[in-house]
Amino acid sequence: MSWTGTGEAFAASYAALCAGTGTGERLREIAGPAHSRTLLDVGAGDGTLAVAWMDAGWRVTAAEPEPSMREAARARHPGFRLVDEALPHLSFGDRAFDVLTANFVLNHVPDPRAAAAELRRVARELVIVTTWSASPTALWGDVIERAGLTPASGTRLPAEKDFERTADGLAAMLIDAGWNPEVAELTWTWDAEPDALWRSVAGGVAGAGAYYATLSDAHRARFRAAFEELVDERGEGGRMPMTQTAAIAVERVG
């Protein structure tokens, strides 16, 4: 899955989900008070989560390899430290930051175990990572079914690199990477704006956006009509409430 050029569309849609009232708040609860500690947010996207850490008193560096994401971050949050760094090879020294976070990142890298080991290497106290157990992907599957379209076959990682997208699967993968993780699940409701959801697809964000980009004009029209039908059926007060579940893993290094 390519994230090339999706920064603005991501910032207008899933940024609020990935950094907001679900995992964003929970990660800060786990890390505890800032006390001027340092934090590296890896895979920072448009910077929404990194800035929330800054506002809570942390000394934050945000690492993001995709240029359009960095553009969106600088446009929305000028003045914070943003660097071009990507897993599984970070340029920082061992134990360079007190805390590392990778929010919905390990489910997108080509070698999750190598990436997890690298996160642990750079942390002095704590690493916190998340991955989806249940996400907006389910909505787009329903849209494809309603539209009578053929689902994409998907491009999962090779079996030796992949991991089961559950709390237990995340834990097993991290143990392979040398962690001794504490893993739990968090479930919440995201009251999404339908226009933001549509912008994510039209802007090529994630698997649904990549799929939409391959459709003919006629099939795009069917996709859009099916989406609007589901919004009419499931929407409440102009929003689309959707249940999300994330697996959250904590590695206490120090």
Protein backbone atom coordinates (compact mmCIF):
# COMPACT_ATOMS: atom_id res chain seq x y z
CA MET A 1 0.00 0.00 0.00
CA SER A 2 1.39 3.38 -1.02
CA TRP A 3 0.81 6.55 0.99
CA THR A 4 2.43 8.75 -1.66
CA GLY A 5 0.66 12.08 -2.03
CA THR A 6 -2.07 11.34 0.54
CA GLY A 7 -1.04 13.85 3.23
CA GLU A 8 -3.86 16.36 2.76
CA ALA A 9 -6.54 13.69 2.40
CA PHE A 10 -5.28 11.89 5.51
CA ALA A 11 -5.16 15.12 7.50
CA ALA A 12 -8.76 15.85 6.55
CA SER A 13 -10.04 12.39 7.46
CA TYR A 14 -8.29 9.70 9.49
CA ALA A 15 -5.89 11.97 11.39
CA ALA A 16 -8.63 12.69 13.93
CA LEU A 17 -9.30 8.98 14.39
CA CYS A 18 -5.66 7.95 14.73
CA ALA A 19 -4.71 10.69 17.20
CA GLY A 20 -7.95 11.63 18.93
CA THR A 21 -10.17 10.35 21.69
CA GLY A 22 -9.25 6.70 21.14
CA THR A 23 -5.59 5.71 21.22
CA GLY A 24 -4.20 9.26 21.39
CA GLU A 25 -5.52 9.86 24.90
CA ARG A 26 -4.77 6.32 26.04
CA LEU A 27 -1.12 6.51 24.97
CA ARG A 28 -0.63 9.67 27.03
CA GLU A 29 -2.26 8.02 30.04
CA ILE A 30 0.15 5.08 29.75
CA ALA A 31 3.21 7.31 29.45
CA GLY A 32 2.26 9.40 32.47
CA PRO A 33 3.21 13.03 33.19
CA ALA A 34 5.70 14.64 30.83
CA HIS A 35 8.15 16.13 33.35
CA SER A 36 10.03 17.46 30.28
CA ARG A 37 10.77 13.95 29.06
CA THR A 38 11.68 13.39 25.41
CA LEU A 39 9.46 11.54 22.97
CA LEU A 40 9.89 10.30 19.40
CA ASP A 41 6.63 9.80 17.49
CA VAL A 42 7.42 7.47 14.59
CA GLY A 43 5.12 7.52 11.58
CA ALA A 44 3.74 10.87 12.71
CA GLY A 45 1.51 11.51 9.68
CA ASP A 46 0.16 15.06 9.72
CA GLY A 47 1.57 15.70 13.21
CA THR A 48 -1.74 15.77 15.08
CA LEU A 49 -0.65 13.25 17.71
CA ALA A 50 2.84 14.73 18.07
CA VAL A 51 1.43 18.19 18.76
CA ALA A 52 -0.93 16.78 21.40
CA TRP A 53 2.13 15.33 23.18
CA MET A 54 3.82 18.74 22.93
CA ASP A 55 0.78 20.46 24.40
CA ALA A 56 0.99 18.00 27.31
CA GLY A 57 4.55 19.18 28.07
CA TRP A 58 6.68 16.64 26.22
CA ARG A 59 9.82 17.49 24.22
CA VAL A 60 8.77 15.92 20.95
CA THR A 61 10.45 14.88 17.72
CA ALA A 62 8.12 13.67 14.96
CA ALA A 63 9.45 11.23 12.35
CA GLU A 64 7.59 10.87 9.05
CA PRO A 65 9.02 9.56 5.75
CA GLU A 66 6.21 10.57 3.35
CA PRO A 67 6.77 14.10 1.91
CA SER A 68 3.08 14.95 1.53
CA MET A 69 2.48 14.05 5.18
CA ARG A 70 5.34 16.30 6.24
CA GLU A 71 3.91 19.12 4.10
CA ALA A 72 0.51 18.72 5.77
CA ALA A 73 2.17 18.64 9.20
CA ARG A 74 4.19 21.81 8.61
CA ALA A 75 1.16 23.63 7.22
CA ARG A 76 -0.99 22.76 10.23
CA HIS A 77 1.60 22.74 13.02
CA PRO A 78 4.52 25.06 12.27
CA GLY A 79 7.33 25.17 14.76
CA PHE A 80 7.73 21.59 15.94
CA ARG A 81 10.62 19.25 15.16
CA LEU A 82 9.80 17.07 12.15
CA VAL A 83 12.37 14.76 10.55
CA ASP A 84 12.48 12.43 7.54
CA GLU A 85 13.01 9.05 9.21
CA ALA A 86 11.54 5.63 8.46
CA LEU A 87 11.50 2.22 10.08
CA PRO A 88 13.22 -0.18 10.31
CA HIS A 89 16.35 2.00 10.33
CA LEU A 90 16.33 5.12 12.50
CA SER A 91 19.42 7.32 12.59
CA PHE A 92 19.19 7.99 16.33
CA GLY A 93 21.54 6.43 18.86
CA ASP A 94 20.67 3.74 21.39
CA ARG A 95 18.31 4.93 24.15
CA ALA A 96 18.10 8.38 22.51
CA PHE A 97 14.54 9.18 23.68
CA ASP A 98 12.72 8.52 26.93
CA VAL A 99 9.58 7.31 25.16
CA LEU A 100 8.81 6.13 21.62
CA THR A 101 5.36 5.85 20.07
CA ALA A 102 4.28 4.24 16.79
CA ASN A 103 0.53 4.67 16.45
CA PHE A 104 -0.87 2.37 13.72
CA VAL A 105 2.55 2.04 12.11
CA LEU A 106 3.68 -1.58 12.54
CA ASN A 107 0.70 -2.74 10.47
CA HIS A 108 2.11 -0.78 7.49
CA VAL A 109 5.86 -1.54 7.51
CA PRO A 110 7.45 -4.30 5.37
CA ASP A 111 9.17 -5.98 8.33
CA PRO A 112 7.21 -5.47 11.59
CA ARG A 113 9.65 -7.43 13.75
CA ALA A 114 12.69 -5.49 12.58
CA ALA A 115 10.75 -2.24 13.06
CA ALA A 116 9.71 -3.22 16.59
CA ALA A 117 13.28 -4.13 17.52
CA GLU A 118 14.46 -0.74 16.23
CA LEU A 119 11.88 1.11 18.32
CA ARG A 120 13.08 -0.72 21.41
CA ARG A 121 16.71 0.09 20.64
CA VAL A 122 16.08 3.85 20.57
CA ALA A 123 13.94 3.95 23.76
CA ARG A 124 15.29 4.66 27.23
CA GLU A 125 12.11 3.97 29.25
CA LEU A 126 9.06 3.00 27.25
CA VAL A 127 7.76 2.05 23.81
CA ILE A 128 4.03 2.14 22.98
CA VAL A 129 2.68 0.78 19.70
CA THR A 130 -0.80 0.19 18.33
CA THR A 131 -2.41 -1.70 15.49
CA TRP A 132 -5.99 -2.13 14.37
CA SER A 133 -8.09 -5.10 15.44
CA ALA A 134 -11.23 -3.53 13.93
CA SER A 135 -11.07 -0.36 11.83
CA PRO A 136 -12.90 1.65 9.13
CA THR A 137 -11.90 -1.08 6.67
CA ALA A 138 -15.14 -2.87 7.57
CA LEU A 139 -17.23 0.04 6.26
CA TRP A 140 -15.52 -0.01 2.89
CA GLY A 141 -16.01 -3.76 2.63
CA ASP A 142 -19.74 -3.15 3.13
CA VAL A 143 -19.68 -0.43 0.45
CA ILE A 144 -18.00 -2.77 -2.04
CA GLU A 145 -20.53 -5.52 -1.29
CA ARG A 146 -23.50 -3.13 -1.59
CA ALA A 147 -22.15 -1.82 -4.91
CA GLY A 148 -21.80 -5.34 -6.29
CA LEU A 149 -18.10 -4.85 -6.98
CA THR A 150 -15.31 -7.40 -6.74
CA PRO A 151 -13.16 -6.87 -3.63
CA ALA A 152 -9.44 -6.38 -4.06
CA SER A 153 -7.41 -9.51 -3.47
CA GLY A 154 -5.18 -7.60 -1.04
CA THR A 155 -1.42 -7.58 -0.73
CA ARG A 156 -0.49 -8.92 2.67
CA LEU A 157 3.08 -9.36 3.79
CA PRO A 158 4.87 -12.66 3.16
CA ALA A 159 3.85 -15.23 5.76
CA GLU A 160 7.20 -15.09 7.54
CA LYS A 161 6.89 -11.30 7.96
CA ASP A 162 3.17 -10.94 8.69
CA PHE A 163 1.34 -11.19 11.99
CA GLU A 164 -2.26 -11.76 13.07
CA ARG A 165 -4.03 -8.44 13.50
CA THR A 166 -5.29 -9.15 17.03
CA ALA A 167 -3.96 -8.40 20.50
CA ASP A 168 -2.55 -11.94 20.74
CA GLY A 169 -1.08 -11.72 17.26
CA LEU A 170 0.59 -8.40 18.04
CA ALA A 171 1.99 -9.80 21.29
CA ALA A 172 3.44 -12.86 19.55
CA MET A 173 5.09 -10.74 16.87
CA LEU A 174 6.63 -8.40 19.45
CA ILE A 175 7.96 -11.33 21.48
CA ASP A 176 9.68 -12.52 18.29
CA ALA A 177 11.23 -9.03 18.09
CA GLY A 178 12.73 -9.32 21.58
CA TRP A 179 9.99 -7.53 23.54
CA ASN A 180 8.29 -8.55 26.77
CA PRO A 181 5.08 -6.65 25.99
CA GLU A 182 1.99 -5.77 27.96
CA VAL A 183 -0.88 -5.90 25.45
CA ALA A 184 -4.51 -4.82 25.81
CA GLU A 185 -7.35 -3.79 23.54
CA LEU A 186 -9.23 -0.50 23.46
CA THR A 187 -12.68 -0.13 21.88
CA TRP A 188 -14.41 3.17 21.21
CA THR A 189 -16.91 4.80 18.86
CA TRP A 190 -15.70 7.19 16.21
CA ASP A 191 -18.38 9.64 15.12
CA ALA A 192 -16.99 10.25 11.66
CA GLU A 193 -18.05 12.97 9.25
CA PRO A 194 -19.26 11.34 6.01
CA ASP A 195 -17.57 14.04 3.93
CA ALA A 196 -14.25 13.29 5.64
CA LEU A 197 -14.67 9.58 5.02
CA TRP A 198 -15.34 10.23 1.36
CA ARG A 199 -12.35 12.53 1.08
CA SER A 200 -10.14 9.75 2.38
CA VAL A 201 -11.25 7.43 -0.41
CA ALA A 202 -11.13 10.04 -3.16
CA GLY A 203 -7.68 11.09 -1.92
CA GLY A 204 -6.26 7.57 -2.11
CA VAL A 205 -5.82 6.98 1.63
CA ALA A 206 -5.15 3.41 2.82
CA GLY A 207 -6.48 0.27 1.17
CA ALA A 208 -9.92 1.65 0.33
CA GLY A 209 -8.42 4.67 -1.41
CA ALA A 210 -6.00 2.49 -3.37
CA TYR A 211 -8.91 0.27 -4.42
CA TYR A 212 -11.08 3.23 -5.47
CA ALA A 213 -8.26 4.57 -7.64
CA THR A 214 -8.36 1.37 -9.73
CA LEU A 215 -12.09 1.61 -10.54
CA SER A 216 -13.63 2.75 -13.80
CA ASP A 217 -15.87 5.82 -13.79
CA ALA A 218 -18.95 3.60 -13.86
CA HIS A 219 -17.76 1.52 -10.94
CA ARG A 220 -16.80 4.65 -9.01
CA ALA A 221 -20.36 5.89 -9.43
CA ARG A 222 -21.68 2.60 -8.02
CA PHE A 223 -19.20 2.81 -5.15
CA ARG A 224 -20.29 6.37 -4.32
CA ALA A 225 -24.00 5.48 -4.50
CA ALA A 226 -23.49 2.51 -2.17
CA PHE A 227 -21.55 4.70 0.28
CA GLU A 228 -24.36 7.28 0.34
CA GLU A 229 -26.95 4.56 0.92
CA LEU A 230 -25.03 3.29 3.93
CA VAL A 231 -24.63 6.82 5.28
CA ASP A 232 -28.41 7.28 5.04
CA GLU A 233 -29.01 3.96 6.82
CA ARG A 234 -26.38 4.20 9.54
CA GLY A 235 -25.83 7.91 10.03
CA GLU A 236 -26.96 9.70 13.18
CA GLY A 237 -27.20 13.47 13.35
CA GLY A 238 -25.00 13.99 10.33
CA ARG A 239 -22.29 11.61 11.60
CA MET A 240 -21.36 7.98 11.00
CA PRO A 241 -20.80 6.22 14.33
CA MET A 242 -18.32 3.38 13.85
CA THR A 243 -16.91 1.01 16.45
CA GLN A 244 -13.11 0.82 16.43
CA THR A 245 -10.83 -1.59 18.27
CA ALA A 246 -7.08 -1.17 18.62
CA ALA A 247 -4.47 -3.43 20.18
CA ILE A 248 -2.05 -1.42 22.34
CA ALA A 249 1.32 -2.86 23.32
CA VAL A 250 3.69 -1.42 25.92
CA GLU A 251 7.36 -2.33 26.36
CA ARG A 252 9.00 -1.08 29.55
CA VAL A 253 12.68 -0.81 28.65
CA GLY A 254 14.19 0.93 31.65
